[in-house]
Each structure stands twice: as structure tokens, then as C-alpha cells.
Amino acid sequence: MFEIPDDRKYLESHEWTTTDGDTVKIGISDFAQDELGDVVFVELPDEGDEITAGDEFGVVESIKAVSDLYAPISGTVVAVNEDLFDAPELVNEDPYGDGWMLELEPSSSDEFDDLLSPEEYREQTE
């Protein structure tokens, strides 16, 4: 069984979001990091970049595969987890904590309605 925190929303492509005041953090799920295997490289956008819901915003490379990352919501990147550049294994060790990837200032709160609830995501990964 994979960890699926109830305080987040999910994309079918295994990215998660959680709200922290006026910003939103984004990462990949425990299921996704397990499927990928050992993460060896992460490519992320720069602070100030605009990303659009559903569009690719980065890449995760593991010993098994290279996977695109998709934006769960649209917004402006206000922070990037630069620790991942030197320690990409944080994605495997703590996907919902130290392994977060981006922090966004969302363009609209309406897009959250299109994301999967924890229950819906659990059903998808079973």
C-alpha cells in the first residue's frame, strides 16, 4: 500500500498539490516514485516561470525511466526545491515532504475542482 495523504489533491499522472496559505506546493506521489525507482536527476522550471495546468513543467530521470512532470494547476513559480539538484533521491525518500518540487502562486482556484481527491487517487492506484 502506498502513502496517499488526505490533505492533497492529485493528477492522474501522479503529481500532487497541497495548499500552504496563498501558495501551492507540487510534487510526485509515493506511487510514482516507487514506479520510477531510484531518482537520479530532476529538471524543474525557474522561479518566475509561468506554468499551465496539464502542460509539462519538468522531467524526472531514474535508473528505470525518464518521466515528464505535468502541472496540476496554472500559476507562477515562486520557489523551486533546489535541494533536489544535489540530492534527487529526496524524491524517493520523502515524496510528500523534503521531496517537493515547486511552489506556485496559483492563477485560479477553479482548477482544484478538476483534480482527484485522495479517495479517487487511491482507486486509480489499486
Protein backbone atom coordinates (compact mmCIF):
# COMPACT_ATOMS: atom_id res chain seq x y z
CA MET A 1 0.00 0.00 0.00
CA PHE A 2 1.28 3.43 -0.89
CA GLU A 3 1.06 6.54 1.24
CA ILE A 4 -1.66 8.90 -0.07
CA PRO A 5 -2.08 11.85 2.31
CA ASP A 6 -5.63 13.15 2.68
CA ASP A 7 -4.52 16.81 2.71
CA ARG A 8 -3.66 16.82 -1.02
CA LYS A 9 -5.24 16.66 -4.47
CA TYR A 10 -3.78 14.53 -7.27
CA LEU A 11 -3.42 14.30 -11.04
CA GLU A 12 -3.93 11.01 -12.90
CA SER A 13 -0.27 11.35 -13.93
CA HIS A 14 0.70 11.08 -10.21
CA GLU A 15 1.57 14.69 -9.28
CA TRP A 16 0.16 16.07 -6.02
CA THR A 17 -0.73 19.55 -4.76
CA THR A 18 -1.21 20.95 -1.30
CA THR A 19 -2.17 24.48 -0.30
CA ASP A 20 0.05 26.45 2.05
CA GLY A 21 -1.65 29.81 2.59
CA ASP A 22 -1.63 31.68 -0.73
CA THR A 23 0.72 29.24 -2.47
CA VAL A 24 0.56 25.64 -3.64
CA LYS A 25 3.31 23.03 -3.39
CA ILE A 26 3.67 20.36 -6.06
CA GLY A 27 5.48 17.04 -6.10
CA ILE A 28 5.04 13.44 -7.23
CA SER A 29 3.27 10.73 -5.27
CA ASP A 30 4.70 7.82 -3.34
CA PHE A 31 3.26 5.53 -6.03
CA ALA A 32 5.08 7.47 -8.78
CA GLN A 33 8.46 7.47 -7.05
CA ASP A 34 8.14 3.74 -6.40
CA GLU A 35 7.30 3.05 -10.06
CA LEU A 36 10.25 5.17 -11.20
CA GLY A 37 12.82 3.55 -8.95
CA ASP A 38 15.90 5.44 -7.79
CA VAL A 39 15.63 9.06 -8.96
CA VAL A 40 18.98 10.34 -10.25
CA PHE A 41 18.08 13.69 -11.85
CA VAL A 42 15.32 16.32 -11.67
CA GLU A 43 14.79 19.16 -14.14
CA LEU A 44 12.48 21.96 -12.96
CA PRO A 45 11.46 25.41 -14.21
CA ASP A 46 12.95 28.62 -12.83
CA GLU A 47 11.39 30.92 -10.27
CA GLY A 48 9.18 33.42 -12.07
CA ASP A 49 8.24 30.99 -14.86
CA GLU A 50 4.56 30.56 -15.69
CA ILE A 51 3.20 27.04 -15.94
CA THR A 52 -0.16 25.93 -17.29
CA ALA A 53 -2.37 23.14 -15.93
CA GLY A 54 -1.90 19.96 -17.93
CA ASP A 55 1.35 21.11 -19.55
CA GLU A 56 4.77 19.59 -18.95
CA PHE A 57 6.84 21.56 -16.43
CA GLY A 58 9.84 19.34 -15.86
CA VAL A 59 11.44 15.91 -16.00
CA VAL A 60 12.36 13.22 -13.50
CA GLU A 61 15.05 10.74 -14.52
CA SER A 62 15.51 7.46 -12.68
CA ILE A 63 17.56 4.34 -13.22
CA LYS A 64 14.49 2.85 -14.96
CA ALA A 65 12.99 5.70 -16.99
CA VAL A 66 12.67 9.36 -17.85
CA SER A 67 9.25 10.80 -16.99
CA ASP A 68 7.67 14.15 -17.76
CA LEU A 69 6.11 16.13 -14.94
CA TYR A 70 2.70 17.73 -15.55
CA ALA A 71 1.28 20.82 -13.89
CA PRO A 72 -1.81 20.12 -11.80
CA ILE A 73 -2.72 23.82 -11.82
CA SER A 74 -1.64 27.02 -13.58
CA GLY A 75 0.41 29.70 -11.90
CA THR A 76 3.72 31.44 -11.35
CA VAL A 77 6.64 29.52 -9.86
CA VAL A 78 7.61 31.27 -6.61
CA ALA A 79 10.02 28.60 -5.32
CA VAL A 80 11.91 25.58 -6.64
CA ASN A 81 13.27 22.87 -4.36
CA GLU A 82 16.93 23.37 -5.25
CA ASP A 83 17.93 20.60 -2.81
CA LEU A 84 16.76 18.14 -5.48
CA PHE A 85 19.53 19.24 -7.86
CA ASP A 86 22.21 17.90 -5.48
CA ALA A 87 20.08 15.22 -3.80
CA PRO A 88 17.41 13.92 -6.24
CA GLU A 89 16.98 10.87 -4.02
CA LEU A 90 14.85 13.07 -1.71
CA VAL A 91 12.01 12.36 -4.14
CA ASN A 92 12.27 8.67 -3.19
CA GLU A 93 12.96 9.18 0.50
CA ASP A 94 10.23 11.73 1.27
CA PRO A 95 7.96 12.45 -1.74
CA TYR A 96 5.45 14.44 0.34
CA GLY A 97 7.98 16.33 2.44
CA ASP A 98 11.60 17.13 1.53
CA GLY A 99 11.00 15.77 -1.99
CA TRP A 100 8.55 18.53 -3.01
CA MET A 101 9.38 20.16 -6.35
CA LEU A 102 7.69 23.52 -6.90
CA GLU A 103 5.77 26.17 -5.07
CA LEU A 104 3.30 28.17 -7.15
CA GLU A 105 1.18 31.24 -6.81
CA PRO A 106 -1.97 29.85 -8.49
CA SER A 107 -3.67 31.77 -11.29
CA SER A 108 -7.12 30.50 -10.28
CA SER A 109 -8.60 28.33 -7.57
CA ASP A 110 -11.12 26.83 -10.03
CA GLU A 111 -8.57 24.30 -11.32
CA PHE A 112 -8.52 22.48 -7.96
CA ASP A 113 -12.01 21.17 -8.75
CA ASP A 114 -10.57 19.19 -11.69
CA LEU A 115 -8.04 17.31 -9.54
CA LEU A 116 -8.54 13.89 -7.97
CA SER A 117 -9.47 13.57 -4.32
CA PRO A 118 -7.33 11.23 -2.19
CA GLU A 119 -10.09 8.60 -2.46
CA GLU A 120 -10.23 8.87 -6.27
CA TYR A 121 -6.44 8.65 -6.48
CA ARG A 122 -6.39 5.58 -4.20
CA GLU A 123 -8.85 3.86 -6.56
CA GLN A 124 -6.64 4.70 -9.55
CA THR A 125 -3.50 3.21 -7.96
CA GLU A 126 -5.10 -0.02 -6.71
